[in-house]
Protein backbone atom coordinates (compact mmCIF):
# COMPACT_ATOMS: atom_id res chain seq x y z
CA MET A 1 32.52 52.14 29.06
CA THR A 2 29.92 53.83 26.96
CA ASN A 3 31.70 52.88 23.87
CA ARG A 4 32.16 49.31 24.82
CA THR A 5 28.17 48.78 25.43
CA LEU A 6 27.70 50.53 22.48
CA ASN A 7 30.24 47.89 20.45
CA PHE A 8 28.47 45.02 22.67
CA GLU A 9 25.14 45.75 21.30
CA PRO A 10 25.77 45.29 17.69
CA GLY A 11 27.80 42.28 18.41
CA ARG A 12 24.96 41.09 20.48
CA ARG A 13 22.21 41.76 17.74
CA HIS A 14 24.29 39.68 15.51
CA PHE A 15 24.39 36.69 17.54
CA LEU A 16 21.03 36.62 17.88
CA ALA A 17 20.30 37.04 14.65
CA LEU A 18 22.61 34.06 13.34
CA GLY A 19 20.80 31.83 15.99
CA MET A 20 17.82 32.63 14.99
CA GLY A 21 18.62 32.18 11.43
CA ALA A 22 20.61 28.55 12.12
CA ALA A 23 17.04 28.25 14.37
CA ALA A 24 14.87 28.53 11.16
CA VAL A 25 17.30 26.61 9.02
CA LEU A 26 16.33 23.52 11.51
CA VAL A 27 12.68 24.66 11.99
CA LEU A 28 11.96 24.87 7.80
CA PRO A 29 12.21 21.76 6.56
CA ASP A 30 10.06 20.10 9.06
CA ALA A 31 7.15 22.99 8.69
CA VAL A 32 7.68 22.76 4.72
CA ARG A 33 6.98 18.72 5.07
CA ALA A 34 3.65 19.41 6.79
CA ALA A 35 2.93 21.88 4.89
CA ASP A 36 3.39 19.17 1.70
CA ARG A 37 1.31 16.50 3.77
CA ALA A 38 -1.32 18.77 4.32
CA ALA A 39 -1.69 20.09 0.28
CA ASP A 40 -1.66 16.35 -0.63
CA ILE A 41 -4.98 15.48 1.21
CA ARG A 42 -7.51 14.59 -0.94
CA THR A 43 -10.12 13.28 0.96
CA LEU A 44 -10.97 12.96 5.01
CA ALA A 45 -13.35 10.55 6.68
CA PHE A 46 -14.34 9.78 10.40
CA ASP A 47 -14.07 5.91 11.62
CA GLY A 48 -15.76 6.53 14.61
CA ASP A 49 -13.14 8.74 16.59
CA THR A 50 -10.32 8.12 14.43
CA LEU A 51 -9.96 11.30 11.71
CA LEU A 52 -8.42 9.68 8.52
CA ILE A 53 -6.94 11.72 5.98
CA ALA A 54 -5.79 10.44 2.47
CA GLY A 55 -4.16 11.29 -1.06
CA ALA A 56 -0.67 9.58 -1.68
CA THR A 57 -0.52 8.07 1.60
CA LEU A 58 -3.04 7.37 4.64
CA ARG A 59 -2.57 8.85 8.10
CA ALA A 60 -4.98 8.26 11.46
CA SER A 61 -5.31 10.05 14.38
CA LEU A 62 -6.78 8.75 17.44
CA ASP A 63 -6.37 12.40 19.30
CA ASN A 64 -8.37 15.25 17.32
CA GLY A 65 -4.79 15.69 15.11
CA ARG A 66 -2.31 15.61 18.49
CA SER A 67 -0.24 12.47 16.86
CA TRP A 68 -0.57 10.81 13.45
CA HIS A 69 0.10 7.19 12.21
CA GLU A 70 0.72 6.22 8.83
CA ARG A 71 -0.92 3.36 7.40
CA PRO A 72 -0.75 1.29 4.12
CA THR A 73 -2.37 2.28 0.65
CA PRO A 74 -2.45 -0.16 -2.40
CA SER A 75 -2.63 3.08 -4.51
CA PRO A 76 -3.00 6.58 -4.61
CA VAL A 77 -6.71 7.26 -2.56
CA ALA A 78 -9.04 9.45 -4.46
CA SER A 79 -12.09 8.94 -2.41
CA ILE A 80 -12.51 7.22 1.22
CA ALA A 81 -15.76 5.82 2.79
CA THR A 82 -16.56 4.67 6.27
CA HIS A 83 -20.08 3.23 8.00
CA PRO A 84 -20.46 3.26 11.85
CA ALA A 85 -22.72 0.00 11.96
CA ARG A 86 -19.06 -1.29 10.61
CA PRO A 87 -15.84 0.28 12.57
CA GLY A 88 -12.42 -0.47 11.42
CA ARG A 89 -13.66 -1.36 7.75
CA LEU A 90 -12.59 1.20 5.30
CA LEU A 91 -13.19 1.59 1.82
CA ALA A 92 -10.55 3.27 -0.95
CA GLY A 93 -11.87 4.88 -4.38
CA LEU A 94 -8.57 4.79 -6.17
CA ALA A 95 -7.17 7.24 -8.51
CA ARG A 96 -5.67 3.92 -11.19
CA GLY A 97 -9.25 2.43 -10.24
CA GLY A 98 -10.65 0.08 -8.39
CA VAL A 99 -11.89 -0.10 -5.08
CA ALA A 100 -10.12 -1.63 -1.85
CA VAL A 101 -11.64 -2.71 1.23
CA SER A 102 -9.44 -2.81 4.68
CA GLY A 103 -11.80 -4.64 7.75
CA ASP A 104 -8.69 -3.36 10.38
CA GLY A 105 -8.39 0.30 10.17
CA GLY A 106 -6.30 0.57 7.11
CA SER A 107 -3.22 -1.96 8.36
CA SER A 108 -4.20 -4.49 5.40
CA TRP A 109 -6.14 -3.75 2.12
CA THR A 110 -8.15 -6.23 -0.38
CA THR A 111 -8.80 -5.01 -4.27
CA ARG A 112 -12.78 -5.15 -5.18
CA SER A 113 -13.60 -4.48 -8.22
CA ASP A 114 -15.13 -7.51 -9.55
CA GLY A 115 -17.43 -5.83 -12.82
CA LEU A 116 -16.88 -2.40 -11.62
CA ALA A 117 -15.63 -0.14 -14.66
CA SER A 118 -12.19 0.79 -15.26
CA GLY A 119 -11.49 4.27 -14.44
CA GLU A 120 -10.27 6.52 -11.46
CA VAL A 121 -12.66 6.09 -8.55
CA THR A 122 -13.89 9.56 -7.45
CA ALA A 123 -16.51 9.49 -5.50
CA LEU A 124 -17.42 6.84 -3.14
CA ALA A 125 -19.87 6.76 0.00
CA VAL A 126 -21.92 3.90 2.09
CA ALA A 127 -25.89 3.50 2.12
CA ALA A 128 -27.08 4.75 5.07
CA GLY A 129 -29.36 2.13 6.08
CA ASN A 130 -26.74 -0.56 4.82
CA PRO A 131 -23.50 -0.86 5.30
CA TYR A 132 -23.03 -3.53 2.57
CA MET A 133 -24.46 -1.17 -0.04
CA ILE A 134 -21.75 0.49 -1.67
CA TYR A 135 -21.96 3.18 -4.48
CA ALA A 136 -19.06 4.64 -6.32
CA ALA A 137 -18.82 7.20 -9.13
CA ILE A 138 -16.37 6.48 -12.22
CA ARG A 139 -14.79 9.34 -14.13
CA GLY A 140 -16.06 9.50 -17.68
CA ASP A 141 -18.34 6.61 -17.13
CA GLY A 142 -21.20 6.43 -14.45
CA LEU A 143 -22.94 5.45 -10.74
CA TRP A 144 -21.76 2.15 -9.70
CA LYS A 145 -23.07 0.01 -7.16
CA SER A 146 -22.31 -3.04 -4.60
CA GLU A 147 -24.52 -4.92 -2.34
CA ASP A 148 -22.03 -6.91 -1.21
CA ALA A 149 -19.46 -4.52 0.33
CA GLY A 150 -17.31 -4.46 -2.99
CA ALA A 151 -17.20 -8.22 -3.96
CA THR A 152 -19.69 -7.27 -7.28
CA TRP A 153 -20.37 -4.53 -9.03
CA ALA A 154 -23.43 -3.77 -11.28
CA LEU A 155 -23.93 -0.15 -13.00
CA ALA A 156 -26.95 1.91 -11.16
CA MET A 157 -27.54 4.38 -13.43
CA ASP A 158 -25.71 7.11 -16.00
CA ARG A 159 -23.75 10.28 -14.65
CA PRO A 160 -26.23 13.14 -13.93
CA TRP A 161 -27.33 15.66 -16.73
CA LEU A 162 -26.55 19.30 -15.89
CA ASP A 163 -26.10 22.32 -17.79
CA ALA A 164 -26.29 20.09 -21.28
CA ALA A 165 -24.00 17.60 -20.26
CA GLU A 166 -23.53 14.58 -18.51
CA ARG A 167 -20.98 15.39 -15.35
CA ASP A 168 -18.79 12.80 -13.20
CA PRO A 169 -20.03 12.78 -9.20
CA LEU A 170 -16.41 14.66 -7.61
CA THR A 171 -18.43 13.56 -4.47
CA LEU A 172 -21.23 11.23 -2.89
CA VAL A 173 -23.20 11.19 0.16
CA SER A 174 -25.96 8.51 1.39
CA VAL A 175 -28.86 10.48 3.13
CA ASP A 176 -31.45 8.80 5.29
CA LEU A 177 -34.81 11.50 4.95
CA GLU A 178 -38.04 10.89 5.58
CA THR A 179 -38.77 11.15 2.28
CA GLY A 180 -37.89 9.15 -0.91
CA MET A 181 -37.56 5.49 -1.77
CA GLY A 182 -37.20 4.05 1.58
CA GLY A 183 -36.00 7.42 2.40
CA ILE A 184 -32.58 7.16 1.43
CA TRP A 185 -30.98 9.50 -1.33
CA ILE A 186 -27.82 9.95 -2.89
CA TYR A 187 -26.47 13.32 -3.09
CA ALA A 188 -23.90 14.12 -5.83
CA GLY A 189 -21.69 16.90 -5.86
CA THR A 190 -20.70 18.01 -9.78
CA GLU A 191 -18.43 20.54 -11.28
CA LYS A 192 -21.85 22.50 -11.94
CA GLY A 193 -23.74 22.07 -8.35
CA LEU A 194 -25.45 20.01 -5.82
CA THR A 195 -27.72 16.94 -7.22
CA ARG A 196 -29.63 13.95 -6.05
CA VAL A 197 -31.49 10.36 -6.88
CA PRO A 198 -33.64 8.47 -4.74
CA ASP A 199 -32.18 4.81 -4.17
CA CYS A 200 -34.77 3.40 -6.70
CA PHE A 201 -31.95 5.45 -9.43
CA CYS A 202 -35.25 6.77 -11.59
CA ARG A 203 -33.77 9.70 -11.88
CA TRP A 204 -31.36 12.81 -10.66
CA GLN A 205 -33.37 16.11 -9.44
CA GLU A 206 -32.38 19.13 -7.92
CA VAL A 207 -32.46 19.46 -4.34
CA GLN A 208 -36.13 21.26 -3.66
CA PRO A 209 -37.78 21.94 -0.80
CA GLY A 210 -41.05 20.52 0.05
CA ASN A 211 -41.94 16.56 -0.83
CA ALA A 212 -39.33 15.50 -2.58
CA MET A 213 -40.93 12.36 -3.66
CA ASP A 214 -43.94 14.40 -5.20
CA ALA A 215 -41.20 16.66 -6.89
CA LEU A 216 -39.64 13.49 -8.32
CA VAL A 217 -43.06 12.25 -10.16
CA THR A 218 -44.42 15.48 -11.02
CA GLY A 219 -40.99 17.74 -11.91
CA ASP A 220 -42.72 20.41 -10.84
CA ALA A 221 -41.28 22.10 -7.13
CA PRO A 222 -40.66 25.62 -5.81
CA PRO A 223 -36.76 26.05 -6.04
CA ALA A 224 -34.34 25.95 -3.30
CA GLU A 225 -34.71 28.92 -0.49
CA ALA A 226 -30.82 29.23 -0.34
CA PRO A 227 -28.88 27.03 -2.59
CA LEU A 228 -25.14 26.40 -2.85
CA PRO A 229 -23.39 28.85 -5.25
CA THR A 230 -24.40 27.88 -8.83
CA ASP A 231 -20.91 28.82 -10.49
CA GLU A 232 -18.78 26.79 -8.32
CA PRO A 233 -17.88 22.83 -7.92
CA VAL A 234 -19.10 21.18 -5.11
CA LEU A 235 -15.94 19.19 -4.27
CA SER A 236 -16.81 17.43 -1.19
CA LEU A 237 -20.19 15.91 0.28
CA ALA A 238 -20.72 15.09 4.08
CA ASN A 239 -22.93 14.38 6.88
CA ALA A 240 -23.56 12.17 10.09
CA LEU A 241 -25.54 9.35 10.35
CA ALA A 242 -26.88 10.32 13.64
CA ALA A 243 -28.03 14.22 12.33
CA PRO A 244 -28.95 13.19 8.31
CA SER A 245 -30.37 16.38 7.44
CA THR A 246 -27.50 18.10 8.14
CA LEU A 247 -24.96 18.20 5.10
CA TYR A 248 -21.51 20.28 4.43
CA ALA A 249 -19.81 20.82 1.73
CA ALA A 250 -16.47 22.20 0.25
CA LEU A 251 -16.69 24.47 -2.83
CA PRO A 252 -13.95 26.82 -3.79
CA SER A 253 -15.22 29.28 -1.58
CA GLY A 254 -14.85 27.41 1.68
CA VAL A 255 -17.10 25.19 3.50
CA TRP A 256 -21.12 25.75 3.71
CA ALA A 257 -23.54 23.45 5.62
CA SER A 258 -27.18 23.02 5.60
CA GLN A 259 -29.53 22.06 8.32
CA ASP A 260 -32.63 21.26 6.15
CA GLY A 261 -30.90 18.09 3.71
CA GLY A 262 -29.62 20.92 1.47
CA VAL A 263 -32.65 23.45 0.76
CA VAL A 264 -31.07 26.21 2.74
CA TRP A 265 -27.00 26.73 2.81
CA THR A 266 -25.49 28.84 5.14
CA HIS A 267 -21.64 30.20 4.64
CA LYS A 268 -19.83 28.47 7.33
CA ALA A 269 -15.88 28.88 6.55
CA LYS A 270 -14.23 31.02 3.89
CA GLY A 271 -11.15 30.04 2.04
CA GLN A 272 -10.16 27.31 -0.68
CA GLY A 273 -12.35 24.40 0.40
CA ARG A 274 -11.59 21.07 -0.74
CA THR A 275 -12.86 18.35 1.09
CA VAL A 276 -15.02 18.16 4.49
CA ALA A 277 -16.09 15.13 7.10
CA VAL A 278 -18.57 14.93 9.84
CA HIS A 279 -17.98 12.43 13.03
CA PRO A 280 -20.87 10.12 12.37
CA ARG A 281 -22.28 10.94 16.04
CA ASP A 282 -22.07 14.77 16.52
CA LYS A 283 -23.10 16.96 13.70
CA ASN A 284 -20.64 19.71 15.19
CA HIS A 285 -17.60 17.67 15.15
CA VAL A 286 -15.84 18.67 11.40
CA ALA A 287 -13.00 18.53 9.73
CA ALA A 288 -12.21 20.18 6.73
CA ILE A 289 -9.57 21.21 3.95
CA LEU A 290 -9.10 24.90 4.07
CA ASP A 291 -6.35 26.69 1.76
CA GLY A 292 -4.15 24.14 1.80
CA ALA A 293 -4.70 23.48 5.80
CA LEU A 294 -6.12 20.88 7.82
CA LYS A 295 -9.03 22.33 10.23
CA LEU A 296 -11.13 21.43 12.69
CA SER A 297 -14.55 22.54 14.28
CA ARG A 298 -16.37 21.16 17.10
CA ASP A 299 -19.00 23.86 16.94
CA GLY A 300 -20.53 23.53 13.55
CA GLY A 301 -18.41 25.88 11.53
CA ALA A 302 -18.55 28.39 13.79
CA THR A 303 -14.82 28.64 14.73
CA TRP A 304 -11.50 26.16 13.38
CA THR A 305 -8.48 25.00 14.72
CA ALA A 306 -5.99 24.66 12.16
CA ILE A 307 -4.16 21.03 13.05
CA ALA A 308 -0.81 19.88 11.93
CA VAL A 309 -0.16 16.99 9.84
CA ALA A 310 3.04 15.50 11.60
């Protein structure tokens, strides 16, 4: 009896091992595909309650990542922008050049690039106070603007000058602050850090405390108290229209947050940050790509939950 028991147990373990191996073979391809889809994400955005992830493909989730629906894209997407005043209208900056506009949540697209310089659209933003005003950064060129939702374009200004050279904006966000020409600033993340310009497009400047317009005129203001790391590129910026002074940034060191328009930053999540987005009505509802995975936070970055990209 003892011998039979001993002979049976190795056989049972062998059978279980084979079963687990077979299950792994069946599950692994789906896991690999999900990881590949997350790694493909170049940019995130919220269109109301809908979370959008874009790169070689565009996917949308209406239920915080529990299910996903693929939507067509005219080209690999390098940047994407939305505005809460125009739900369902998506703007995509294309890696091969040009801007595409959708009025139906991404089901169909129209290219709108009349007058726009050729080249990858590295960053795209909609003006906080005007959903028809769009800003686009073209790799190797400058900052462009459209006042008619992308129908026509004109050069707004040159690229920011940082560390003895012009730098491409890697990300743009329009911020409605109390100071500034009309209160609107365009923040740009570059390979050499963070900069901003008022929408008069007079001069790029560092983000500093105090009255920003006084600093712009005099060129004299105290340095930021706790700035973003100076040795890392700022890959993505985001804020909620309902809370304009709250900013989030994705850097190679993770996700950072500021509650005062970018003067003081705190480290919210460690890991390889790539892109970040904020819900337009809830400044604590944040999505980010960290270490190649999509993660969501509902408490301003204090805790994060990994979301599978199906």
